[in-house]
PDB file of N, CA and C in Angstrom:
ATOM      1  N   UNK A   1      45.280 122.493 318.489  1.00  0.00           N
ATOM      2  CA  UNK A   1      44.259 121.484 318.691  1.00  0.00           C
ATOM      3  C   UNK A   1      44.687 120.211 317.958  1.00  0.00           C
ATOM      4  N   UNK A   2      44.738 119.069 318.661  1.00  0.00           N
ATOM      5  CA  UNK A   2      45.090 117.811 318.001  1.00  0.00           C
ATOM      6  C   UNK A   2      44.090 117.469 316.897  1.00  0.00           C
ATOM      7  N   UNK A   3      44.550 116.747 315.891  1.00  0.00           N
ATOM      8  CA  UNK A   3      43.742 116.391 314.737  1.00  0.00           C
ATOM      9  C   UNK A   3      42.460 115.667 315.125  1.00  0.00           C
ATOM     10  N   UNK A   4      42.544 114.719 316.097  1.00  0.00           N
ATOM     11  CA  UNK A   4      41.346 113.972 316.480  1.00  0.00           C
ATOM     12  C   UNK A   4      40.300 114.878 317.122  1.00  0.00           C
ATOM     13  N   UNK A   5      40.720 115.905 317.869  1.00  0.00           N
ATOM     14  CA  UNK A   5      39.771 116.854 318.459  1.00  0.00           C
ATOM     15  C   UNK A   5      39.074 117.651 317.366  1.00  0.00           C
ATOM     16  N   UNK A   6      39.826 118.073 316.367  1.00  0.00           N
ATOM     17  CA  UNK A   6      39.234 118.817 315.252  1.00  0.00           C
ATOM     18  C   UNK A   6      38.222 117.943 314.522  1.00  0.00           C
ATOM     19  N   UNK A   7      38.559 116.674 314.305  1.00  0.00           N
ATOM     20  CA  UNK A   7      37.644 115.746 313.639  1.00  0.00           C
ATOM     21  C   UNK A   7      36.346 115.613 314.426  1.00  0.00           C
ATOM     22  N   UNK A   8      36.449 115.410 315.736  1.00  0.00           N
ATOM     23  CA  UNK A   8      35.267 115.247 316.583  1.00  0.00           C
ATOM     24  C   UNK A   8      34.403 116.500 316.528  1.00  0.00           C
ATOM     25  N   UNK A   9      35.009 117.652 316.653  1.00  0.00           N
ATOM     26  CA  UNK A   9      34.256 118.915 316.596  1.00  0.00           C
ATOM     27  C   UNK A   9      33.529 119.074 315.264  1.00  0.00           C
ATOM     28  N   UNK A  10      34.213 118.757 314.180  1.00  0.00           N
ATOM     29  CA  UNK A  10      33.616 118.861 312.843  1.00  0.00           C
ATOM     30  C   UNK A  10      32.441 117.899 312.703  1.00  0.00           C
ATOM     31  N   UNK A  11      32.627 116.660 313.157  1.00  0.00           N
ATOM     32  CA  UNK A  11      31.560 115.658 313.033  1.00  0.00           C
ATOM     33  C   UNK A  11      30.359 115.998 313.910  1.00  0.00           C
ATOM     34  N   UNK A  12      30.594 116.489 315.114  1.00  0.00           N
ATOM     35  CA  UNK A  12      29.486 116.873 315.990  1.00  0.00           C
ATOM     36  C   UNK A  12      28.663 117.985 315.341  1.00  0.00           C
ATOM     37  N   UNK A  13      29.319 118.968 314.773  1.00  0.00           N
ATOM     38  CA  UNK A  13      28.602 120.049 314.093  1.00  0.00           C
ATOM     39  C   UNK A  13      27.849 119.516 312.888  1.00  0.00           C
ATOM     40  N   UNK A  14      28.481 118.642 312.126  1.00  0.00           N
ATOM     41  CA  UNK A  14      27.839 118.061 310.939  1.00  0.00           C
ATOM     42  C   UNK A  14      26.584 117.280 311.322  1.00  0.00           C
ATOM     43  N   UNK A  15      26.667 116.481 312.387  1.00  0.00           N
ATOM     44  CA  UNK A  15      25.519 115.698 312.850  1.00  0.00           C
ATOM     45  C   UNK A  15      24.401 116.624 313.306  1.00  0.00           C
ATOM     46  N   UNK A  16      24.733 117.634 314.113  1.00  0.00           N
ATOM     47  CA  UNK A  16      23.720 118.604 314.578  1.00  0.00           C
ATOM     48  C   UNK A  16      23.001 119.247 313.402  1.00  0.00           C
ATOM     49  N   UNK A  17      23.770 119.693 312.413  1.00  0.00           N
ATOM     50  CA  UNK A  17      23.183 120.346 311.247  1.00  0.00           C
ATOM     51  C   UNK A  17      22.303 119.386 310.448  1.00  0.00           C
ATOM     52  N   UNK A  18      22.750 118.171 310.296  1.00  0.00           N
ATOM     53  CA  UNK A  18      22.019 117.173 309.520  1.00  0.00           C
ATOM     54  C   UNK A  18      20.721 116.759 310.213  1.00  0.00           C
ATOM     55  N   UNK A  19      20.777 116.546 311.525  1.00  0.00           N
ATOM     56  CA  UNK A  19      19.633 116.021 312.274  1.00  0.00           C
ATOM     57  C   UNK A  19      18.609 117.105 312.603  1.00  0.00           C
ATOM     58  N   UNK A  20      19.076 118.274 312.945  1.00  0.00           N
ATOM     59  CA  UNK A  20      18.144 119.337 313.349  1.00  0.00           C
ATOM     60  C   UNK A  20      17.393 118.931 314.603  1.00  0.00           C
ATOM     61  N   UNK A  21      16.063 118.935 314.523  1.00  0.00           N
ATOM     62  CA  UNK A  21      15.242 118.595 315.696  1.00  0.00           C
ATOM     63  C   UNK A  21      14.692 117.174 315.636  1.00  0.00           C
ATOM     64  N   UNK A  22      15.098 116.392 314.643  1.00  0.00           N
ATOM     65  CA  UNK A  22      14.595 115.024 314.477  1.00  0.00           C
ATOM     66  C   UNK A  22      15.088 114.103 315.590  1.00  0.00           C
ATOM     67  N   UNK A  23      14.369 113.018 315.772  1.00  0.00           N
ATOM     68  CA  UNK A  23      14.783 111.944 316.672  1.00  0.00           C
ATOM     69  C   UNK A  23      15.553 110.925 315.833  1.00  0.00           C
ATOM     70  N   UNK A  24      16.572 110.309 316.412  1.00  0.00           N
ATOM     71  CA  UNK A  24      17.420 109.366 315.685  1.00  0.00           C
ATOM     72  C   UNK A  24      17.506 108.052 316.444  1.00  0.00           C
ATOM     73  N   UNK A  25      17.317 106.955 315.718  1.00  0.00           N
ATOM     74  CA  UNK A  25      17.478 105.613 316.274  1.00  0.00           C
ATOM     75  C   UNK A  25      18.740 105.019 315.670  1.00  0.00           C
ATOM     76  N   UNK A  26      19.586 104.427 316.506  1.00  0.00           N
ATOM     77  CA  UNK A  26      20.810 103.804 316.023  1.00  0.00           C
ATOM     78  C   UNK A  26      20.975 102.414 316.596  1.00  0.00           C
ATOM     79  N   UNK A  27      21.280 101.458 315.748  1.00  0.00           N
ATOM     80  CA  UNK A  27      21.534 100.094 316.193  1.00  0.00           C
ATOM     81  C   UNK A  27      22.947 100.007 316.763  1.00  0.00           C
ATOM     82  N   UNK A  28      23.083  99.327 317.885  1.00  0.00           N
ATOM     83  CA  UNK A  28      24.398  99.123 318.493  1.00  0.00           C
ATOM     84  C   UNK A  28      24.642  97.641 318.702  1.00  0.00           C
ATOM     85  N   UNK A  29      25.913  97.279 318.655  1.00  0.00           N
ATOM     86  CA  UNK A  29      26.298  95.882 318.845  1.00  0.00           C
ATOM     87  C   UNK A  29      27.192  95.703 320.061  1.00  0.00           C
ATOM     88  N   UNK A  30      27.718  96.812 320.559  1.00  0.00           N
ATOM     89  CA  UNK A  30      28.696  96.724 321.627  1.00  0.00           C
ATOM     90  C   UNK A  30      30.116  96.770 321.101  1.00  0.00           C
ATOM     91  N   UNK A  31      30.253  96.748 319.791  1.00  0.00           N
ATOM     92  CA  UNK A  31      31.570  96.836 319.178  1.00  0.00           C
ATOM     93  C   UNK A  31      32.089  98.265 319.171  1.00  0.00           C
ATOM     94  N   UNK A  32      33.308  98.404 318.746  1.00  0.00           N
ATOM     95  CA  UNK A  32      33.960  99.709 318.743  1.00  0.00           C
ATOM     96  C   UNK A  32      33.225 100.703 317.844  1.00  0.00           C
ATOM     97  N   UNK A  33      32.868 100.297 316.634  1.00  0.00           N
ATOM     98  CA  UNK A  33      32.250 101.219 315.682  1.00  0.00           C
ATOM     99  C   UNK A  33      30.930 101.786 316.198  1.00  0.00           C
ATOM    100  N   UNK A  34      30.029 100.906 316.643  1.00  0.00           N
ATOM    101  CA  UNK A  34      28.726 101.400 317.091  1.00  0.00           C
ATOM    102  C   UNK A  34      28.835 102.161 318.415  1.00  0.00           C
ATOM    103  N   UNK A  35      29.808 101.834 319.233  1.00  0.00           N
ATOM    104  CA  UNK A  35      30.012 102.570 320.482  1.00  0.00           C
ATOM    105  C   UNK A  35      30.508 103.987 320.184  1.00  0.00           C
ATOM    106  N   UNK A  36      31.459 104.108 319.290  1.00  0.00           N
ATOM    107  CA  UNK A  36      31.965 105.433 318.914  1.00  0.00           C
ATOM    108  C   UNK A  36      30.859 106.248 318.244  1.00  0.00           C
ATOM    109  N   UNK A  37      30.084 105.610 317.380  1.00  0.00           N
ATOM    110  CA  UNK A  37      28.967 106.308 316.741  1.00  0.00           C
ATOM    111  C   UNK A  37      27.985 106.811 317.793  1.00  0.00           C
ATOM    112  N   UNK A  38      27.704 105.999 318.805  1.00  0.00           N
ATOM    113  CA  UNK A  38      26.790 106.399 319.875  1.00  0.00           C
ATOM    114  C   UNK A  38      27.340 107.574 320.672  1.00  0.00           C
ATOM    115  N   UNK A  39      28.631 107.558 320.945  1.00  0.00           N
ATOM    116  CA  UNK A  39      29.260 108.666 321.677  1.00  0.00           C
ATOM    117  C   UNK A  39      29.149 109.958 320.870  1.00  0.00           C
ATOM    118  N   UNK A  40      29.429 109.883 319.576  1.00  0.00           N
ATOM    119  CA  UNK A  40      29.315 111.065 318.722  1.00  0.00           C
ATOM    120  C   UNK A  40      27.873 111.564 318.660  1.00  0.00           C
ATOM    121  N   UNK A  41      26.924 110.645 318.510  1.00  0.00           N
ATOM    122  CA  UNK A  41      25.516 111.039 318.442  1.00  0.00           C
ATOM    123  C   UNK A  41      25.061 111.666 319.751  1.00  0.00           C
ATOM    124  N   UNK A  42      25.442 111.076 320.864  1.00  0.00           N
ATOM    125  CA  UNK A  42      25.069 111.625 322.171  1.00  0.00           C
ATOM    126  C   UNK A  42      25.653 113.028 322.339  1.00  0.00           C
ATOM    127  N   UNK A  43      26.907 113.211 321.958  1.00  0.00           N
ATOM    128  CA  UNK A  43      27.542 114.519 322.078  1.00  0.00           C
ATOM    129  C   UNK A  43      26.880 115.543 321.160  1.00  0.00           C
ATOM    130  N   UNK A  44      26.468 115.103 319.991  1.00  0.00           N
ATOM    131  CA  UNK A  44      25.909 116.023 319.005  1.00  0.00           C
ATOM    132  C   UNK A  44      24.454 116.381 319.274  1.00  0.00           C
ATOM    133  N   UNK A  45      23.628 115.367 319.594  1.00  0.00           N
ATOM    134  CA  UNK A  45      22.189 115.639 319.676  1.00  0.00           C
ATOM    135  C   UNK A  45      21.547 115.202 320.983  1.00  0.00           C
ATOM    136  N   UNK A  46      22.342 114.705 321.903  1.00  0.00           N
ATOM    137  CA  UNK A  46      21.849 114.395 323.242  1.00  0.00           C
ATOM    138  C   UNK A  46      20.652 113.464 323.276  1.00  0.00           C
ATOM    139  N   UNK A  47      19.554 113.931 323.890  1.00  0.00           N
ATOM    140  CA  UNK A  47      18.368 113.096 324.103  1.00  0.00           C
ATOM    141  C   UNK A  47      17.575 112.806 322.835  1.00  0.00           C
ATOM    142  N   UNK A  48      17.994 113.363 321.729  1.00  0.00           N
ATOM    143  CA  UNK A  48      17.344 113.049 320.453  1.00  0.00           C
ATOM    144  C   UNK A  48      17.831 111.705 319.909  1.00  0.00           C
ATOM    145  N   UNK A  49      18.892 111.166 320.501  1.00  0.00           N
ATOM    146  CA  UNK A  49      19.485 109.908 320.032  1.00  0.00           C
ATOM    147  C   UNK A  49      19.032 108.760 320.913  1.00  0.00           C
ATOM    148  N   UNK A  50      18.584 107.683 320.278  1.00  0.00           N
ATOM    149  CA  UNK A  50      18.097 106.502 320.978  1.00  0.00           C
ATOM    150  C   UNK A  50      18.779 105.262 320.375  1.00  0.00           C
ATOM    151  N   UNK A  51      19.558 104.588 321.189  1.00  0.00           N
ATOM    152  CA  UNK A  51      20.275 103.396 320.729  1.00  0.00           C
ATOM    153  C   UNK A  51      19.432 102.154 320.993  1.00  0.00           C
ATOM    154  N   UNK A  52      19.549 101.173 320.102  1.00  0.00           N
ATOM    155  CA  UNK A  52      18.830  99.912 320.232  1.00  0.00           C
ATOM    156  C   UNK A  52      19.825  98.769 320.096  1.00  0.00           C
ATOM    157  N   UNK A  53      19.753  97.853 321.052  1.00  0.00           N
ATOM    158  CA  UNK A  53      20.558  96.629 321.027  1.00  0.00           C
ATOM    159  C   UNK A  53      19.593  95.457 320.999  1.00  0.00           C
ATOM    160  N   UNK A  54      19.749  94.554 320.031  1.00  0.00           N
ATOM    161  CA  UNK A  54      18.915  93.362 319.961  1.00  0.00           C
ATOM    162  C   UNK A  54      19.716  92.191 320.518  1.00  0.00           C
ATOM    163  N   UNK A  55      19.232  91.647 321.624  1.00  0.00           N
ATOM    164  CA  UNK A  55      19.867  90.460 322.198  1.00  0.00           C
ATOM    165  C   UNK A  55      19.264  89.250 321.499  1.00  0.00           C
ATOM    166  N   UNK A  56      20.036  88.657 320.595  1.00  0.00           N
ATOM    167  CA  UNK A  56      19.544  87.523 319.815  1.00  0.00           C
ATOM    168  C   UNK A  56      19.962  86.179 320.400  1.00  0.00           C
ATOM    169  N   UNK A  57      20.630  86.205 321.548  1.00  0.00           N
ATOM    170  CA  UNK A  57      21.046  84.965 322.192  1.00  0.00           C
ATOM    171  C   UNK A  57      22.383  84.435 321.729  1.00  0.00           C
ATOM    172  N   UNK A  58      23.009  85.106 320.798  1.00  0.00           N
ATOM    173  CA  UNK A  58      24.282  84.626 320.262  1.00  0.00           C
ATOM    174  C   UNK A  58      25.464  85.504 320.644  1.00  0.00           C
ATOM    175  N   UNK A  59      25.226  86.441 321.549  1.00  0.00           N
ATOM    176  CA  UNK A  59      26.329  87.288 322.005  1.00  0.00           C
ATOM    177  C   UNK A  59      27.203  86.502 322.977  1.00  0.00           C
ATOM    178  N   UNK A  60      28.406  86.985 323.194  1.00  0.00           N
ATOM    179  CA  UNK A  60      29.289  86.345 324.166  1.00  0.00           C
ATOM    180  C   UNK A  60      28.659  86.400 325.556  1.00  0.00           C
ATOM    181  N   UNK A  61      29.039  85.471 326.399  1.00  0.00           N
ATOM    182  CA  UNK A  61      28.517  85.406 327.757  1.00  0.00           C
ATOM    183  C   UNK A  61      28.746  86.736 328.478  1.00  0.00           C
ATOM    184  N   UNK A  62      27.679  87.353 328.958  1.00  0.00           N
ATOM    185  CA  UNK A  62      27.764  88.602 329.702  1.00  0.00           C
ATOM    186  C   UNK A  62      27.909  89.847 328.847  1.00  0.00           C
ATOM    187  N   UNK A  63      27.981  89.679 327.520  1.00  0.00           N
ATOM    188  CA  UNK A  63      28.238  90.828 326.652  1.00  0.00           C
ATOM    189  C   UNK A  63      27.066  91.814 326.633  1.00  0.00           C
ATOM    190  N   UNK A  64      25.855  91.319 326.619  1.00  0.00           N
ATOM    191  CA  UNK A  64      24.693  92.210 326.601  1.00  0.00           C
ATOM    192  C   UNK A  64      24.680  93.079 327.861  1.00  0.00           C
ATOM    193  N   UNK A  65      24.929  92.482 329.000  1.00  0.00           N
ATOM    194  CA  UNK A  65      24.976  93.238 330.261  1.00  0.00           C
ATOM    195  C   UNK A  65      26.108  94.256 330.244  1.00  0.00           C
ATOM    196  N   UNK A  66      27.238  93.886 329.672  1.00  0.00           N
ATOM    197  CA  UNK A  66      28.370  94.811 329.596  1.00  0.00           C
ATOM    198  C   UNK A  66      28.048  95.998 328.699  1.00  0.00           C
ATOM    199  N   UNK A  67      27.395  95.736 327.576  1.00  0.00           N
ATOM    200  CA  UNK A  67      27.017  96.821 326.664  1.00  0.00           C
ATOM    201  C   UNK A  67      26.055  97.770 327.376  1.00  0.00           C
ATOM    202  N   UNK A  68      25.077  97.208 328.095  1.00  0.00           N
ATOM    203  CA  UNK A  68      24.135  98.038 328.866  1.00  0.00           C
ATOM    204  C   UNK A  68      24.898  98.916 329.858  1.00  0.00           C
ATOM    205  N   UNK A  69      25.814  98.299 330.571  1.00  0.00           N
ATOM    206  CA  UNK A  69      26.584  99.029 331.579  1.00  0.00           C
ATOM    207  C   UNK A  69      27.424 100.132 330.930  1.00  0.00           C
ATOM    208  N   UNK A  70      28.107  99.788 329.863  1.00  0.00           N
ATOM    209  CA  UNK A  70      28.997 100.756 329.204  1.00  0.00           C
ATOM    210  C   UNK A  70      28.216 101.925 328.607  1.00  0.00           C
ATOM    211  N   UNK A  71      27.180 101.612 327.836  1.00  0.00           N
ATOM    212  CA  UNK A  71      26.462 102.673 327.132  1.00  0.00           C
ATOM    213  C   UNK A  71      25.551 103.476 328.054  1.00  0.00           C
ATOM    214  N   UNK A  72      24.754 102.779 328.853  1.00  0.00           N
ATOM    215  CA  UNK A  72      23.817 103.486 329.736  1.00  0.00           C
ATOM    216  C   UNK A  72      24.532 104.184 330.883  1.00  0.00           C
ATOM    217  N   UNK A  73      25.240 103.397 331.666  1.00  0.00           N
ATOM    218  CA  UNK A  73      25.850 103.921 332.893  1.00  0.00           C
ATOM    219  C   UNK A  73      27.111 104.733 332.600  1.00  0.00           C
ATOM    220  N   UNK A  74      27.960 104.201 331.766  1.00  0.00           N
ATOM    221  CA  UNK A  74      29.240 104.844 331.513  1.00  0.00           C
ATOM    222  C   UNK A  74      29.168 106.044 330.594  1.00  0.00           C
ATOM    223  N   UNK A  75      28.299 105.979 329.576  1.00  0.00           N
ATOM    224  CA  UNK A  75      28.274 107.033 328.567  1.00  0.00           C
ATOM    225  C   UNK A  75      26.970 107.832 328.549  1.00  0.00           C
ATOM    226  N   UNK A  76      25.978 107.396 329.323  1.00  0.00           N
ATOM    227  CA  UNK A  76      24.714 108.131 329.401  1.00  0.00           C
ATOM    228  C   UNK A  76      23.860 108.056 328.153  1.00  0.00           C
ATOM    229  N   UNK A  77      24.053 107.017 327.354  1.00  0.00           N
ATOM    230  CA  UNK A  77      23.283 106.847 326.119  1.00  0.00           C
ATOM    231  C   UNK A  77      21.926 106.239 326.456  1.00  0.00           C
ATOM    232  N   UNK A  78      20.863 106.781 325.835  1.00  0.00           N
ATOM    233  CA  UNK A  78      19.521 106.222 325.969  1.00  0.00           C
ATOM    234  C   UNK A  78      19.501 104.916 325.183  1.00  0.00           C
ATOM    235  N   UNK A  79      19.502 103.795 325.904  1.00  0.00           N
ATOM    236  CA  UNK A  79      19.617 102.484 325.269  1.00  0.00           C
ATOM    237  C   UNK A  79      18.391 101.633 325.548  1.00  0.00           C
ATOM    238  N   UNK A  80      17.783 101.121 324.492  1.00  0.00           N
ATOM    239  CA  UNK A  80      16.695 100.159 324.603  1.00  0.00           C
ATOM    240  C   UNK A  80      17.248  98.805 324.193  1.00  0.00           C
ATOM    241  N   UNK A  81      17.025  97.785 325.031  1.00  0.00           N
ATOM    242  CA  UNK A  81      17.486  96.439 324.714  1.00  0.00           C
ATOM    243  C   UNK A  81      16.264  95.586 324.386  1.00  0.00           C
ATOM    244  N   UNK A  82      16.225  95.081 323.165  1.00  0.00           N
ATOM    245  CA  UNK A  82      15.159  94.187 322.730  1.00  0.00           C
ATOM    246  C   UNK A  82      15.607  92.758 323.030  1.00  0.00           C
ATOM    247  N   UNK A  83      14.952  92.127 323.981  1.00  0.00           N
ATOM    248  CA  UNK A  83      15.290  90.749 324.357  1.00  0.00           C
ATOM    249  C   UNK A  83      14.575  89.798 323.396  1.00  0.00           C
ATOM    250  N   UNK A  84      15.291  89.323 322.403  1.00  0.00           N
ATOM    251  CA  UNK A  84      14.706  88.483 321.345  1.00  0.00           C
ATOM    252  C   UNK A  84      15.383  87.117 321.237  1.00  0.00           C
ATOM    253  N   UNK A  85      16.011  86.683 322.317  1.00  0.00           N
ATOM    254  CA  UNK A  85      16.721  85.404 322.309  1.00  0.00           C
ATOM    255  C   UNK A  85      15.801  84.249 321.942  1.00  0.00           C
ATOM    256  N   UNK A  86      14.693  84.130 322.644  1.00  0.00           N
ATOM    257  CA  UNK A  86      13.789  82.993 322.418  1.00  0.00           C
ATOM    258  C   UNK A  86      13.264  82.990 320.984  1.00  0.00           C
ATOM    259  N   UNK A  87      12.819  84.121 320.501  1.00  0.00           N
ATOM    260  CA  UNK A  87      12.296  84.222 319.140  1.00  0.00           C
ATOM    261  C   UNK A  87      13.362  83.868 318.116  1.00  0.00           C
ATOM    262  N   UNK A  88      14.528  84.441 318.243  1.00  0.00           N
ATOM    263  CA  UNK A  88      15.604  84.230 317.282  1.00  0.00           C
ATOM    264  C   UNK A  88      16.041  82.758 317.254  1.00  0.00           C
ATOM    265  N   UNK A  89      16.310  82.223 318.441  1.00  0.00           N
ATOM    266  CA  UNK A  89      16.799  80.838 318.504  1.00  0.00           C
ATOM    267  C   UNK A  89      15.729  79.846 318.080  1.00  0.00           C
ATOM    268  N   UNK A  90      14.453  80.107 318.384  1.00  0.00           N
ATOM    269  CA  UNK A  90      13.391  79.197 317.976  1.00  0.00           C
ATOM    270  C   UNK A  90      13.266  79.157 316.441  1.00  0.00           C
ATOM    271  N   UNK A  91      13.512  80.286 315.804  1.00  0.00           N
ATOM    272  CA  UNK A  91      13.434  80.320 314.358  1.00  0.00           C
ATOM    273  C   UNK A  91      14.678  79.728 313.682  1.00  0.00           C
ATOM    274  N   UNK A  92      15.734  79.542 314.452  1.00  0.00           N
ATOM    275  CA  UNK A  92      16.930  78.867 313.940  1.00  0.00           C
ATOM    276  C   UNK A  92      16.845  77.351 314.081  1.00  0.00           C
ATOM    277  N   UNK A  93      15.916  76.885 314.901  1.00  0.00           N
ATOM    278  CA  UNK A  93      15.794  75.437 315.154  1.00  0.00           C
ATOM    279  C   UNK A  93      15.624  74.699 313.827  1.00  0.00           C
ATOM    280  N   UNK A  94      16.465  73.696 313.605  1.00  0.00           N
ATOM    281  CA  UNK A  94      16.395  72.885 312.414  1.00  0.00           C
ATOM    282  C   UNK A  94      17.096  73.453 311.189  1.00  0.00           C
ATOM    283  N   UNK A  95      17.618  74.663 311.312  1.00  0.00           N
ATOM    284  CA  UNK A  95      18.332  75.271 310.201  1.00  0.00           C
ATOM    285  C   UNK A  95      19.788  74.826 310.237  1.00  0.00           C
ATOM    286  N   UNK A  96      20.298  74.392 309.101  1.00  0.00           N
ATOM    287  CA  UNK A  96      21.711  73.988 309.076  1.00  0.00           C
ATOM    288  C   UNK A  96      22.440  74.729 307.978  1.00  0.00           C
TER     289      UNK A  96
END
Protein backbone atom coordinates (compact mmCIF):
# COMPACT_ATOMS: atom_id res chain seq x y z
CA UNK A 1 0.00 0.00 0.00
CA UNK A 2 1.49 3.39 -0.98
CA UNK A 3 2.25 5.76 1.89
CA UNK A 4 -0.41 8.30 0.83
CA UNK A 5 -3.11 5.59 0.86
CA UNK A 6 -2.10 4.55 4.37
CA UNK A 7 -2.23 8.20 5.48
CA UNK A 8 -5.72 8.67 4.03
CA UNK A 9 -7.01 5.48 5.65
CA UNK A 10 -5.56 6.48 9.02
CA UNK A 11 -7.01 10.00 8.83
CA UNK A 12 -10.46 8.78 7.76
CA UNK A 13 -10.57 6.42 10.74
CA UNK A 14 -9.31 9.15 13.07
CA UNK A 15 -12.00 11.58 11.86
CA UNK A 16 -14.76 8.96 12.20
CA UNK A 17 -13.66 8.15 15.74
CA UNK A 18 -13.36 11.81 16.72
CA UNK A 19 -16.68 12.94 15.22
CA UNK A 20 -18.89 9.98 16.08
CA UNK A 21 -22.48 10.95 15.29
CA UNK A 22 -21.97 14.74 15.48
CA UNK A 23 -22.61 17.13 12.61
CA UNK A 24 -19.57 19.08 11.37
CA UNK A 25 -19.40 22.47 9.67
CA UNK A 26 -16.25 23.36 7.73
CA UNK A 27 -15.30 26.63 6.08
CA UNK A 28 -14.00 26.31 2.53
CA UNK A 29 -12.21 28.79 0.32
CA UNK A 30 -11.76 26.79 -2.84
CA UNK A 31 -8.06 26.44 -2.15
CA UNK A 32 -6.16 23.20 -2.02
CA UNK A 33 -6.15 22.87 1.78
CA UNK A 34 -9.88 23.32 2.35
CA UNK A 35 -10.73 21.17 -0.68
CA UNK A 36 -8.59 18.29 0.59
CA UNK A 37 -10.07 18.71 4.07
CA UNK A 38 -13.56 18.54 2.55
CA UNK A 39 -12.70 15.38 0.61
CA UNK A 40 -11.37 13.72 3.77
CA UNK A 41 -14.42 14.80 5.79
CA UNK A 42 -16.83 13.59 3.12
CA UNK A 43 -15.04 10.23 2.94
CA UNK A 44 -14.96 9.89 6.71
CA UNK A 45 -18.40 11.08 7.80
CA UNK A 46 -20.43 11.59 4.63
CA UNK A 47 -23.66 13.55 5.17
CA UNK A 48 -22.58 14.63 8.64
CA UNK A 49 -20.20 17.11 6.98
CA UNK A 50 -21.47 20.49 5.79
CA UNK A 51 -19.14 22.89 3.99
CA UNK A 52 -19.69 26.66 3.98
CA UNK A 53 -18.28 29.13 1.48
CA UNK A 54 -18.71 32.86 2.10
CA UNK A 55 -18.76 34.88 -1.10
CA UNK A 56 -17.43 38.23 0.09
CA UNK A 57 -17.13 39.75 -3.38
CA UNK A 58 -13.34 39.63 -3.43
CA UNK A 59 -12.85 36.22 -5.00
CA UNK A 60 -11.40 35.88 -8.48
CA UNK A 61 -13.83 36.21 -11.36
CA UNK A 62 -15.87 32.99 -11.60
CA UNK A 63 -14.12 31.41 -8.61
CA UNK A 64 -17.23 31.04 -6.46
CA UNK A 65 -19.05 29.23 -9.28
CA UNK A 66 -16.02 27.00 -9.84
CA UNK A 67 -15.85 26.08 -6.16
CA UNK A 68 -19.57 25.23 -6.22
CA UNK A 69 -19.06 23.08 -9.30
CA UNK A 70 -15.98 21.32 -7.95
CA UNK A 71 -17.24 20.61 -4.44
CA UNK A 72 -20.93 19.99 -5.07
CA UNK A 73 -20.94 18.39 -8.50
CA UNK A 74 -17.47 16.92 -8.67
CA UNK A 75 -16.98 15.73 -5.10
CA UNK A 76 -20.54 15.45 -3.76
CA UNK A 77 -19.86 17.73 -0.79
CA UNK A 78 -22.87 19.33 0.92
CA UNK A 79 -21.99 22.98 0.28
CA UNK A 80 -23.82 26.07 1.48
CA UNK A 81 -22.79 29.34 -0.16
CA UNK A 82 -23.43 32.49 1.86
CA UNK A 83 -23.78 35.35 -0.62
CA UNK A 84 -22.42 38.27 1.42
CA UNK A 85 -20.88 40.44 -1.29
CA UNK A 86 -23.12 43.46 -0.75
CA UNK A 87 -22.78 43.38 3.04
CA UNK A 88 -19.02 42.90 3.00
CA UNK A 89 -18.27 45.52 0.36
CA UNK A 90 -20.66 48.07 1.89
CA UNK A 91 -18.85 47.76 5.20
CA UNK A 92 -15.52 48.30 3.44
CA UNK A 93 -16.72 51.58 1.90
CA UNK A 94 -14.46 54.40 3.06
CA UNK A 95 -11.94 52.11 4.72
CA UNK A 96 -8.36 52.67 3.64
